[in-house]
C-alpha atoms as a PDB file:
ATOM      1  CA  UNK A   1       0.000   0.000   0.000  1.00  0.00           C
ATOM      2  CA  UNK A   2       1.349   3.409  -0.936  1.00  0.00           C
ATOM      3  CA  UNK A   3       2.146   5.806   1.887  1.00  0.00           C
ATOM      4  CA  UNK A   4       1.589   9.040  -0.101  1.00  0.00           C
ATOM      5  CA  UNK A   5       4.917  10.392   1.122  1.00  0.00           C
ATOM      6  CA  UNK A   6       4.010  10.380   4.820  1.00  0.00           C
ATOM      7  CA  UNK A   7       6.521   9.137   7.356  1.00  0.00           C
ATOM      8  CA  UNK A   8       5.698   5.717   8.766  1.00  0.00           C
ATOM      9  CA  UNK A   9       7.925   6.195  11.792  1.00  0.00           C
ATOM     10  CA  UNK A  10       5.818   5.629  14.889  1.00  0.00           C
ATOM     11  CA  UNK A  11       2.101   5.518  15.472  1.00  0.00           C
ATOM     12  CA  UNK A  12       1.470   9.162  14.535  1.00  0.00           C
ATOM     13  CA  UNK A  13       3.153   8.691  11.163  1.00  0.00           C
ATOM     14  CA  UNK A  14       1.215   5.537  10.385  1.00  0.00           C
ATOM     15  CA  UNK A  15      -2.058   7.243  11.334  1.00  0.00           C
ATOM     16  CA  UNK A  16      -1.257  10.010   8.884  1.00  0.00           C
ATOM     17  CA  UNK A  17      -0.678   7.433   6.134  1.00  0.00           C
ATOM     18  CA  UNK A  18      -4.056   5.807   6.831  1.00  0.00           C
ATOM     19  CA  UNK A  19      -5.835   9.145   6.884  1.00  0.00           C
ATOM     20  CA  UNK A  20      -4.336  10.121   3.549  1.00  0.00           C
ATOM     21  CA  UNK A  21      -5.407   6.799   2.077  1.00  0.00           C
ATOM     22  CA  UNK A  22      -8.962   7.364   3.307  1.00  0.00           C
ATOM     23  CA  UNK A  23      -9.052  10.863   1.817  1.00  0.00           C
ATOM     24  CA  UNK A  24      -7.740   9.541  -1.502  1.00  0.00           C
ATOM     25  CA  UNK A  25     -10.330   6.754  -1.567  1.00  0.00           C
ATOM     26  CA  UNK A  26     -13.094   9.260  -0.819  1.00  0.00           C
ATOM     27  CA  UNK A  27     -11.959  11.453  -3.683  1.00  0.00           C
ATOM     28  CA  UNK A  28     -12.039   8.504  -6.077  1.00  0.00           C
ATOM     29  CA  UNK A  29     -15.569   7.651  -4.932  1.00  0.00           C
ATOM     30  CA  UNK A  30     -16.859  11.223  -4.774  1.00  0.00           C
ATOM     31  CA  UNK A  31     -17.413  11.002  -1.023  1.00  0.00           C
ATOM     32  CA  UNK A  32     -16.856  13.417   1.849  1.00  0.00           C
ATOM     33  CA  UNK A  33     -14.006  12.133   4.082  1.00  0.00           C
ATOM     34  CA  UNK A  34     -15.977  13.422   7.072  1.00  0.00           C
ATOM     35  CA  UNK A  35     -18.439  10.579   6.453  1.00  0.00           C
ATOM     36  CA  UNK A  36     -15.781   7.951   7.225  1.00  0.00           C
ATOM     37  CA  UNK A  37     -14.714   7.231  10.810  1.00  0.00           C
ATOM     38  CA  UNK A  38     -11.336   5.623  11.387  1.00  0.00           C
ATOM     39  CA  UNK A  39     -11.442   3.114  14.244  1.00  0.00           C
ATOM     40  CA  UNK A  40      -7.992   2.208  15.555  1.00  0.00           C
ATOM     41  CA  UNK A  41      -8.225  -1.441  16.562  1.00  0.00           C
ATOM     42  CA  UNK A  42      -6.408  -1.390  19.877  1.00  0.00           C
ATOM     43  CA  UNK A  43      -7.225  -4.898  21.110  1.00  0.00           C
ATOM     44  CA  UNK A  44      -4.382  -6.424  23.172  1.00  0.00           C
ATOM     45  CA  UNK A  45      -2.392  -3.166  23.186  1.00  0.00           C
ATOM     46  CA  UNK A  46      -1.764  -1.314  26.430  1.00  0.00           C
ATOM     47  CA  UNK A  47      -3.338   1.993  27.422  1.00  0.00           C
ATOM     48  CA  UNK A  48       0.086   3.614  26.955  1.00  0.00           C
ATOM     49  CA  UNK A  49       0.026   2.610  23.285  1.00  0.00           C
ATOM     50  CA  UNK A  50      -3.611   3.681  22.910  1.00  0.00           C
ATOM     51  CA  UNK A  51      -2.878   7.068  24.468  1.00  0.00           C
ATOM     52  CA  UNK A  52      -0.158   7.637  21.865  1.00  0.00           C
ATOM     53  CA  UNK A  53      -2.767   7.189  19.130  1.00  0.00           C
ATOM     54  CA  UNK A  54      -5.142   9.455  21.044  1.00  0.00           C
ATOM     55  CA  UNK A  55      -2.468  12.141  21.186  1.00  0.00           C
ATOM     56  CA  UNK A  56      -2.148  11.813  17.397  1.00  0.00           C
ATOM     57  CA  UNK A  57      -5.834  12.636  17.002  1.00  0.00           C
ATOM     58  CA  UNK A  58      -7.580   9.249  17.011  1.00  0.00           C
ATOM     59  CA  UNK A  59     -10.819   9.326  18.984  1.00  0.00           C
ATOM     60  CA  UNK A  60     -12.397   5.982  18.050  1.00  0.00           C
ATOM     61  CA  UNK A  61     -10.886   2.726  19.299  1.00  0.00           C
ATOM     62  CA  UNK A  62     -11.974  -0.862  18.692  1.00  0.00           C
ATOM     63  CA  UNK A  63     -11.759  -3.658  21.246  1.00  0.00           C
ATOM     64  CA  UNK A  64     -12.507  -7.398  20.953  1.00  0.00           C
ATOM     65  CA  UNK A  65     -12.001  -8.674  24.493  1.00  0.00           C
ATOM     66  CA  UNK A  66     -14.327  -7.487  27.230  1.00  0.00           C
ATOM     67  CA  UNK A  67     -12.025  -7.510  30.255  1.00  0.00           C
ATOM     68  CA  UNK A  68      -9.200  -5.865  28.325  1.00  0.00           C
ATOM     69  CA  UNK A  69     -11.602  -3.212  27.038  1.00  0.00           C
ATOM     70  CA  UNK A  70     -13.049  -2.457  30.469  1.00  0.00           C
ATOM     71  CA  UNK A  71      -9.602  -1.781  31.860  1.00  0.00           C
ATOM     72  CA  UNK A  72      -8.861   0.716  29.104  1.00  0.00           C
ATOM     73  CA  UNK A  73     -12.231   2.417  29.503  1.00  0.00           C
ATOM     74  CA  UNK A  74     -11.416   2.956  33.167  1.00  0.00           C
ATOM     75  CA  UNK A  75      -7.989   4.346  32.297  1.00  0.00           C
ATOM     76  CA  UNK A  76      -9.433   6.705  29.689  1.00  0.00           C
ATOM     77  CA  UNK A  77     -11.890   8.603  31.886  1.00  0.00           C
ATOM     78  CA  UNK A  78      -9.912  11.843  31.523  1.00  0.00           C
ATOM     79  CA  UNK A  79     -10.296  11.675  27.734  1.00  0.00           C
ATOM     80  CA  UNK A  80     -13.849  12.962  27.522  1.00  0.00           C
ATOM     81  CA  UNK A  81     -14.133  12.716  23.732  1.00  0.00           C
ATOM     82  CA  UNK A  82     -12.839   9.154  23.345  1.00  0.00           C
ATOM     83  CA  UNK A  83     -15.232   6.611  21.800  1.00  0.00           C
ATOM     84  CA  UNK A  84     -14.919   2.883  22.419  1.00  0.00           C
ATOM     85  CA  UNK A  85     -16.303   0.357  19.931  1.00  0.00           C
ATOM     86  CA  UNK A  86     -16.801  -3.308  20.774  1.00  0.00           C
ATOM     87  CA  UNK A  87     -15.959  -5.056  17.510  1.00  0.00           C
ATOM     88  CA  UNK A  88     -15.607  -8.692  18.595  1.00  0.00           C
ATOM     89  CA  UNK A  89     -17.957 -11.585  19.189  1.00  0.00           C
ATOM     90  CA  UNK A  90     -19.818 -11.073  22.459  1.00  0.00           C
ATOM     91  CA  UNK A  91     -20.870 -14.132  24.427  1.00  0.00           C
ATOM     92  CA  UNK A  92     -24.229 -13.879  26.142  1.00  0.00           C
ATOM     93  CA  UNK A  93     -22.641 -14.479  29.556  1.00  0.00           C
ATOM     94  CA  UNK A  94     -20.429 -11.415  29.011  1.00  0.00           C
ATOM     95  CA  UNK A  95     -23.348  -9.054  28.375  1.00  0.00           C
ATOM     96  CA  UNK A  96     -23.536  -8.316  32.100  1.00  0.00           C
ATOM     97  CA  UNK A  97     -20.200  -6.516  31.754  1.00  0.00           C
ATOM     98  CA  UNK A  98     -21.454  -4.161  29.037  1.00  0.00           C
ATOM     99  CA  UNK A  99     -20.313  -0.656  29.914  1.00  0.00           C
ATOM    100  CA  UNK A 100     -21.929   2.683  29.004  1.00  0.00           C
ATOM    101  CA  UNK A 101     -18.454   3.702  27.870  1.00  0.00           C
ATOM    102  CA  UNK A 102     -19.001   1.704  24.698  1.00  0.00           C
ATOM    103  CA  UNK A 103     -20.281   3.872  21.850  1.00  0.00           C
ATOM    104  CA  UNK A 104     -21.255   1.076  19.474  1.00  0.00           C
ATOM    105  CA  UNK A 105     -21.490  -2.717  19.342  1.00  0.00           C
ATOM    106  CA  UNK A 106     -20.553  -3.914  15.864  1.00  0.00           C
ATOM    107  CA  UNK A 107     -21.356  -7.631  16.060  1.00  0.00           C
ATOM    108  CA  UNK A 108     -25.005  -8.373  16.858  1.00  0.00           C
ATOM    109  CA  UNK A 109     -25.526 -11.821  15.368  1.00  0.00           C
ATOM    110  CA  UNK A 110     -28.418 -13.573  17.148  1.00  0.00           C
ATOM    111  CA  UNK A 111     -31.821 -12.946  18.659  1.00  0.00           C
ATOM    112  CA  UNK A 112     -30.710 -14.510  21.951  1.00  0.00           C
ATOM    113  CA  UNK A 113     -27.857 -12.017  22.236  1.00  0.00           C
ATOM    114  CA  UNK A 114     -30.177  -9.146  21.305  1.00  0.00           C
ATOM    115  CA  UNK A 115     -32.566 -10.115  24.095  1.00  0.00           C
ATOM    116  CA  UNK A 116     -29.733 -10.224  26.639  1.00  0.00           C
ATOM    117  CA  UNK A 117     -28.591  -6.762  25.562  1.00  0.00           C
ATOM    118  CA  UNK A 118     -32.177  -5.508  25.819  1.00  0.00           C
ATOM    119  CA  UNK A 119     -32.423  -6.828  29.397  1.00  0.00           C
ATOM    120  CA  UNK A 120     -29.107  -5.245  30.360  1.00  0.00           C
ATOM    121  CA  UNK A 121     -30.077  -1.902  28.833  1.00  0.00           C
ATOM    122  CA  UNK A 122     -33.505  -1.916  30.495  1.00  0.00           C
ATOM    123  CA  UNK A 123     -32.027  -2.699  33.917  1.00  0.00           C
ATOM    124  CA  UNK A 124     -29.554   0.162  33.653  1.00  0.00           C
ATOM    125  CA  UNK A 125     -31.827   2.603  31.807  1.00  0.00           C
ATOM    126  CA  UNK A 126     -29.654   3.008  28.737  1.00  0.00           C
ATOM    127  CA  UNK A 127     -29.756   2.469  24.997  1.00  0.00           C
ATOM    128  CA  UNK A 128     -27.253   0.237  23.226  1.00  0.00           C
ATOM    129  CA  UNK A 129     -26.349   1.221  19.677  1.00  0.00           C
ATOM    130  CA  UNK A 130     -25.514  -1.738  17.490  1.00  0.00           C
ATOM    131  CA  UNK A 131     -24.768  -2.993  14.014  1.00  0.00           C
ATOM    132  CA  UNK A 132     -25.931  -6.346  12.675  1.00  0.00           C
ATOM    133  CA  UNK A 133     -23.053  -8.605  11.679  1.00  0.00           C
ATOM    134  CA  UNK A 134     -23.465 -10.185   8.250  1.00  0.00           C
ATOM    135  CA  UNK A 135     -21.542 -13.276   7.181  1.00  0.00           C
ATOM    136  CA  UNK A 136     -20.344 -12.966   3.600  1.00  0.00           C
ATOM    137  CA  UNK A 137     -18.557 -16.124   2.529  1.00  0.00           C
ATOM    138  CA  UNK A 138     -18.687 -19.674   3.856  1.00  0.00           C
ATOM    139  CA  UNK A 139     -15.959 -19.632   6.498  1.00  0.00           C
ATOM    140  CA  UNK A 140     -17.162 -21.793   9.415  1.00  0.00           C
ATOM    141  CA  UNK A 141     -15.169 -19.789  11.982  1.00  0.00           C
ATOM    142  CA  UNK A 142     -16.874 -16.487  11.145  1.00  0.00           C
ATOM    143  CA  UNK A 143     -19.951 -15.263  13.014  1.00  0.00           C
ATOM    144  CA  UNK A 144     -22.872 -13.392  11.535  1.00  0.00           C
ATOM    145  CA  UNK A 145     -26.163 -13.793   9.749  1.00  0.00           C
ATOM    146  CA  UNK A 146     -26.301 -14.856   6.138  1.00  0.00           C
ATOM    147  CA  UNK A 147     -27.563 -11.991   3.963  1.00  0.00           C
ATOM    148  CA  UNK A 148     -30.869 -13.735   3.235  1.00  0.00           C
ATOM    149  CA  UNK A 149     -31.715 -13.790   6.948  1.00  0.00           C
ATOM    150  CA  UNK A 150     -30.921 -10.198   7.871  1.00  0.00           C
ATOM    151  CA  UNK A 151     -34.218  -8.497   7.010  1.00  0.00           C
ATOM    152  CA  UNK A 152     -36.291 -11.065   8.923  1.00  0.00           C
ATOM    153  CA  UNK A 153     -33.887 -10.805  11.857  1.00  0.00           C
ATOM    154  CA  UNK A 154     -34.285  -7.034  11.989  1.00  0.00           C
ATOM    155  CA  UNK A 155     -38.060  -7.387  12.056  1.00  0.00           C
ATOM    156  CA  UNK A 156     -37.670  -9.664  15.085  1.00  0.00           C
ATOM    157  CA  UNK A 157     -35.893  -6.844  16.907  1.00  0.00           C
ATOM    158  CA  UNK A 158     -38.782  -4.407  16.512  1.00  0.00           C
ATOM    159  CA  UNK A 159     -39.954  -4.768  20.124  1.00  0.00           C
ATOM    160  CA  UNK A 160     -36.460  -4.430  21.625  1.00  0.00           C
ATOM    161  CA  UNK A 161     -36.762  -0.720  22.251  1.00  0.00           C
ATOM    162  CA  UNK A 162     -33.433  -0.383  24.054  1.00  0.00           C
ATOM    163  CA  UNK A 163     -31.461  -1.399  20.963  1.00  0.00           C
ATOM    164  CA  UNK A 164     -30.685   1.262  18.383  1.00  0.00           C
ATOM    165  CA  UNK A 165     -29.926  -0.364  15.022  1.00  0.00           C
ATOM    166  CA  UNK A 166     -27.477   1.767  13.073  1.00  0.00           C
ATOM    167  CA  UNK A 167     -26.434  -0.437  10.161  1.00  0.00           C
ATOM    168  CA  UNK A 168     -24.406  -3.488   9.152  1.00  0.00           C
ATOM    169  CA  UNK A 169     -20.940  -4.902   9.721  1.00  0.00           C
ATOM    170  CA  UNK A 170     -18.949  -7.618   8.005  1.00  0.00           C
ATOM    171  CA  UNK A 171     -15.587  -9.389   8.051  1.00  0.00           C
ATOM    172  CA  UNK A 172     -15.290 -10.995   4.607  1.00  0.00           C
ATOM    173  CA  UNK A 173     -12.901 -13.815   3.706  1.00  0.00           C
ATOM    174  CA  UNK A 174      -9.304 -12.614   3.669  1.00  0.00           C
ATOM    175  CA  UNK A 175      -8.078 -11.852   0.172  1.00  0.00           C
ATOM    176  CA  UNK A 176      -4.441 -11.121  -0.624  1.00  0.00           C
ATOM    177  CA  UNK A 177      -5.549  -8.785  -3.405  1.00  0.00           C
ATOM    178  CA  UNK A 178      -7.774  -6.090  -1.813  1.00  0.00           C
ATOM    179  CA  UNK A 179      -9.707  -5.766  -5.074  1.00  0.00           C
ATOM    180  CA  UNK A 180     -11.104  -9.241  -4.464  1.00  0.00           C
ATOM    181  CA  UNK A 181     -12.844  -7.892  -1.344  1.00  0.00           C
ATOM    182  CA  UNK A 182     -14.760  -5.329  -3.373  1.00  0.00           C
ATOM    183  CA  UNK A 183     -17.636  -7.649  -4.284  1.00  0.00           C
ATOM    184  CA  UNK A 184     -18.282  -8.401  -0.595  1.00  0.00           C
ATOM    185  CA  UNK A 185     -18.324  -4.738   0.395  1.00  0.00           C
ATOM    186  CA  UNK A 186     -20.591  -3.882  -2.509  1.00  0.00           C
ATOM    187  CA  UNK A 187     -22.927  -6.683  -1.432  1.00  0.00           C
ATOM    188  CA  UNK A 188     -23.113  -5.287   2.112  1.00  0.00           C
ATOM    189  CA  UNK A 189     -23.803  -1.784   0.822  1.00  0.00           C
ATOM    190  CA  UNK A 190     -26.586  -3.054  -1.439  1.00  0.00           C
ATOM    191  CA  UNK A 191     -28.102  -4.994   1.463  1.00  0.00           C
ATOM    192  CA  UNK A 192     -28.096  -1.927   3.700  1.00  0.00           C
ATOM    193  CA  UNK A 193     -29.728   0.162   0.996  1.00  0.00           C
ATOM    194  CA  UNK A 194     -32.420  -2.456   0.435  1.00  0.00           C
ATOM    195  CA  UNK A 195     -33.204  -2.706   4.150  1.00  0.00           C
ATOM    196  CA  UNK A 196     -33.203   1.076   4.587  1.00  0.00           C
ATOM    197  CA  UNK A 197     -35.751   1.372   1.788  1.00  0.00           C
ATOM    198  CA  UNK A 198     -37.944  -1.444   3.117  1.00  0.00           C
ATOM    199  CA  UNK A 199     -39.641   0.406   5.971  1.00  0.00           C
ATOM    200  CA  UNK A 200     -38.470  -1.767   8.886  1.00  0.00           C
ATOM    201  CA  UNK A 201     -35.782   0.713  10.023  1.00  0.00           C
ATOM    202  CA  UNK A 202     -35.294   4.451  10.198  1.00  0.00           C
ATOM    203  CA  UNK A 203     -33.022   5.103   7.186  1.00  0.00           C
ATOM    204  CA  UNK A 204     -31.612   8.211   8.860  1.00  0.00           C
ATOM    205  CA  UNK A 205     -30.282   6.000  11.667  1.00  0.00           C
ATOM    206  CA  UNK A 206     -29.651   2.768   9.773  1.00  0.00           C
ATOM    207  CA  UNK A 207     -26.922   4.286   7.644  1.00  0.00           C
ATOM    208  CA  UNK A 208     -23.637   2.782   8.759  1.00  0.00           C
ATOM    209  CA  UNK A 209     -21.386   0.187   7.158  1.00  0.00           C
ATOM    210  CA  UNK A 210     -18.537  -1.143   9.293  1.00  0.00           C
ATOM    211  CA  UNK A 211     -16.198  -2.812   6.808  1.00  0.00           C
ATOM    212  CA  UNK A 212     -12.577  -2.756   5.775  1.00  0.00           C
ATOM    213  CA  UNK A 213      -9.398  -3.520   7.719  1.00  0.00           C
ATOM    214  CA  UNK A 214      -5.687  -2.790   7.403  1.00  0.00           C
ATOM    215  CA  UNK A 215      -5.115  -4.568   4.092  1.00  0.00           C
ATOM    216  CA  UNK A 216      -8.209  -3.380   2.193  1.00  0.00           C
ATOM    217  CA  UNK A 217      -9.788  -0.325   3.843  1.00  0.00           C
ATOM    218  CA  UNK A 218      -9.389   1.945   0.770  1.00  0.00           C
ATOM    219  CA  UNK A 219     -11.541  -0.471  -1.243  1.00  0.00           C
ATOM    220  CA  UNK A 220     -14.119  -0.533   1.560  1.00  0.00           C
ATOM    221  CA  UNK A 221     -14.233   3.269   1.592  1.00  0.00           C
ATOM    222  CA  UNK A 222     -14.763   3.334  -2.163  1.00  0.00           C
ATOM    223  CA  UNK A 223     -17.721   0.983  -1.652  1.00  0.00           C
ATOM    224  CA  UNK A 224     -19.369   3.056   1.076  1.00  0.00           C
ATOM    225  CA  UNK A 225     -17.796   2.193   4.442  1.00  0.00           C
ATOM    226  CA  UNK A 226     -18.635   4.663   7.202  1.00  0.00           C
ATOM    227  CA  UNK A 227     -16.426   2.861   9.743  1.00  0.00           C
ATOM    228  CA  UNK A 228     -13.093   1.248   8.872  1.00  0.00           C
ATOM    229  CA  UNK A 229     -11.362  -0.899  11.490  1.00  0.00           C
ATOM    230  CA  UNK A 230      -7.603  -0.530  11.178  1.00  0.00           C
ATOM    231  CA  UNK A 231      -5.206  -2.183  13.598  1.00  0.00           C
ATOM    232  CA  UNK A 232      -1.928  -3.495  12.205  1.00  0.00           C
ATOM    233  CA  UNK A 233      -1.439  -0.545   9.849  1.00  0.00           C
ATOM    234  CA  UNK A 234      -1.484   1.747  12.902  1.00  0.00           C
ATOM    235  CA  UNK A 235      -0.115  -0.257  15.822  1.00  0.00           C
ATOM    236  CA  UNK A 236       2.011  -2.870  14.091  1.00  0.00           C
ATOM    237  CA  UNK A 237       2.021  -6.580  14.876  1.00  0.00           C
ATOM    238  CA  UNK A 238      -0.597  -7.735  17.348  1.00  0.00           C
ATOM    239  CA  UNK A 239       0.324  -8.489  20.954  1.00  0.00           C
ATOM    240  CA  UNK A 240      -0.574 -11.884  22.505  1.00  0.00           C
ATOM    241  CA  UNK A 241      -4.277 -12.227  23.267  1.00  0.00           C
ATOM    242  CA  UNK A 242      -5.051 -11.412  26.915  1.00  0.00           C
ATOM    243  CA  UNK A 243      -6.625 -14.010  29.140  1.00  0.00           C
ATOM    244  CA  UNK A 244     -10.352 -13.367  29.626  1.00  0.00           C
END
C-alpha cells in the first residue's frame, strides 16, 4: 500500500498514512471524508500505546475482548471525547459486563444475544447502539447472519426498544488482493440500501457500514464504508491475546 509520502515512523506517522489513504479513496468515490470514521483497533495493546494514538488525534478505538476493554475504559476517563467500539464476538454471559463507555457494538448476530442486551439496557436505563453482523462467505469460523436472513432478523428486533440499530458490519474472507474484497463490500452496501428502503428501520439511523481492515480499507471506503477498522497498519504486529 502506498504511503503518499508520509513518514511511517511511529504511530502518529502511520495514522497520517491511513488518513491520507482514506481521503484519496473518498476522492475517487466522490465522497466526503468526514463521512468515514477511522477506528484504531487497539485490542491487546496497552493503554500507553492507545494514548499515543489518542495524542495523534484518534478518537475511536476498537476492542474485541471485554475484560481488556473495560480496563482501558477505566484508564481513559480523563479523555472525555474518546469513543470505544466493541468489535468482537460477544458471548451472552459477558453481556452483564457491558459498559456505558461503549459507543457502538458492531457484532449483533443472534436474537438470543439481542434479548440479553435488551435486558441489560432496560435494567440500567440506557440504549445500546448496534450494528448487525453479516456473514459474507462460507468460512465456518466467522460469526454473523447470512444476507438472506438479515431483514427477517431485523423485524424480530422491533420490540427491543433499548437497541438502536445503526447499520451493518462484516468481516469478509481474507483476500491477498484487496480488489477481491470489493464484491463483498458492494454486497453489504446493497443490502443496507435495500433494508433502509424497506420500511423496517429508520433510514436516517440505519446508515452505517462497518467494513474494511488494514489490508483493504481503501476499497471498503470506495464501496461506502462509514467505519473502517484498522489495527496493524497503525499499531504494528498484534500483541498476545489477553486471558479473559
